[in-house]
Each structure stands twice: as C-alpha cells, then as structure tokens.
Amino acid sequence: MASSPARSRVLRLLFEGPQSPGTIAAALNIAPGTASNHLAALHGLGLVTAEACGRRRFYSAVPNGAQALLEEIRGPANDPAADLDRR
C-alpha cells in the first residue's frame, strides 16, 4: 500500500527528479531489491512511471498520482458502494 513510510520516502525522492532503484536504495540505506519492490508497488498504484535507459530503469513521480489514487479509493461517482463511508 502507498501508506508505507518507506514508500513515502521513495516518493519524496522521486519528486526531486528521476531516480534509479540503486540510487534510491543508497539514499534510503535499503537493499536494491527492497527499493525495486517499493517501486513496483508504487508503479502498480499509478504513482510512479518508469523509463528504460539502456539496461537501467529510471522512475519518476506522477505529478497528479495522489489524485488518481484518491479517485481509485473513492470509486466511480455512479457506484453506490462508493458512498458507504458517507452514510
């Protein structure tokens, strides 16, 4: 989930500019595989994009990604189940 403190730190780094998993791992003092796992989860949520550059991938934060995540959590406007928490 995006609420993970480690994923929040990854997103903060990505708002500074594109980063590779290795750069993120070094900055956060975590294993490269852990950084890759966080990036994969954030990518799956639509909060980051990935661009290949040779054999490396660089990730960037999606500027309106948080808005997209909120819309996904809330559900479609015409979905009656989306209003359950307001009742």
Protein backbone atom coordinates (compact mmCIF):
# COMPACT_ATOMS: atom_id res chain seq x y z
CA MET A 1 0.00 0.00 0.00
CA ALA A 2 1.09 3.57 -0.56
CA SER A 3 0.78 4.34 3.16
CA SER A 4 4.06 2.59 3.95
CA PRO A 5 6.60 5.01 5.48
CA ALA A 6 9.33 3.58 3.23
CA ARG A 7 7.20 4.15 0.13
CA SER A 8 6.51 7.70 1.24
CA ARG A 9 10.27 8.29 1.44
CA VAL A 10 10.71 6.79 -2.03
CA LEU A 11 8.04 9.14 -3.41
CA ARG A 12 9.71 12.14 -1.77
CA LEU A 13 12.96 11.26 -3.53
CA LEU A 14 11.18 10.85 -6.84
CA PHE A 15 9.63 14.31 -6.59
CA GLU A 16 13.21 15.63 -6.70
CA GLY A 17 13.67 14.01 -10.12
CA PRO A 18 14.04 10.65 -11.86
CA GLN A 19 15.94 8.03 -9.86
CA SER A 20 17.18 4.51 -10.43
CA PRO A 21 16.44 1.77 -7.89
CA GLY A 22 20.12 1.69 -6.95
CA THR A 23 20.20 5.42 -6.25
CA ILE A 24 17.07 5.15 -4.13
CA ALA A 25 18.47 2.19 -2.24
CA ALA A 26 21.68 4.07 -1.45
CA ALA A 27 19.82 7.23 -0.38
CA LEU A 28 17.48 5.33 1.94
CA ASN A 29 20.05 2.78 3.12
CA ILE A 30 17.94 -0.17 1.98
CA ALA A 31 18.69 -3.16 -0.24
CA PRO A 32 18.30 -2.59 -4.01
CA GLY A 33 15.74 -5.40 -4.15
CA THR A 34 13.69 -3.67 -1.46
CA ALA A 35 13.80 -0.42 -3.43
CA SER A 36 12.67 -2.29 -6.55
CA ASN A 37 9.78 -3.87 -4.65
CA HIS A 38 8.60 -0.48 -3.37
CA LEU A 39 8.90 0.99 -6.87
CA ALA A 40 6.90 -1.88 -8.35
CA ALA A 41 4.12 -1.33 -5.81
CA LEU A 42 4.07 2.42 -6.43
CA HIS A 43 4.08 1.81 -10.18
CA GLY A 44 1.14 -0.56 -9.81
CA LEU A 45 -0.77 2.16 -7.95
CA GLY A 46 -0.10 4.64 -10.74
CA LEU A 47 2.04 6.89 -8.53
CA VAL A 48 5.28 6.50 -10.48
CA THR A 49 6.31 5.95 -14.08
CA ALA A 50 9.30 4.01 -15.35
CA GLU A 51 11.51 4.77 -18.33
CA ALA A 52 14.17 2.45 -19.69
CA CYS A 53 17.54 3.93 -20.50
CA GLY A 54 19.74 1.16 -21.80
CA ARG A 55 19.77 -1.60 -19.22
CA ARG A 56 18.67 0.72 -16.40
CA ARG A 57 15.24 1.98 -15.46
CA PHE A 58 14.55 5.41 -14.06
CA TYR A 59 11.44 6.13 -12.05
CA SER A 60 9.61 9.43 -11.71
CA ALA A 61 6.71 10.52 -9.53
CA VAL A 62 3.45 11.13 -11.35
CA PRO A 63 2.52 14.76 -10.55
CA ASN A 64 -1.20 14.01 -10.12
CA GLY A 65 -0.70 10.47 -8.87
CA ALA A 66 -2.15 11.17 -5.44
CA GLN A 67 -5.34 12.48 -7.04
CA ALA A 68 -5.60 9.34 -9.17
CA LEU A 69 -5.11 7.17 -6.08
CA LEU A 70 -7.84 9.03 -4.19
CA GLU A 71 -10.23 8.62 -7.10
CA GLU A 72 -9.48 4.91 -7.22
CA ILE A 73 -10.10 4.56 -3.49
CA ARG A 74 -13.36 6.51 -3.69
CA GLY A 75 -14.57 4.53 -6.70
CA PRO A 76 -16.64 5.72 -9.64
CA ALA A 77 -19.03 8.58 -8.94
CA ASN A 78 -22.01 6.46 -10.01
CA ASP A 79 -21.07 3.50 -7.80
CA PRO A 80 -23.48 3.34 -4.82
CA ALA A 81 -20.87 1.44 -2.80
CA ALA A 82 -18.53 4.43 -3.09
CA ASP A 83 -20.85 6.40 -0.80
CA LEU A 84 -20.95 3.81 2.01
CA ASP A 85 -18.45 5.69 4.15
CA ARG A 86 -20.57 8.87 3.94
CA ARG A 87 -23.70 7.22 5.40
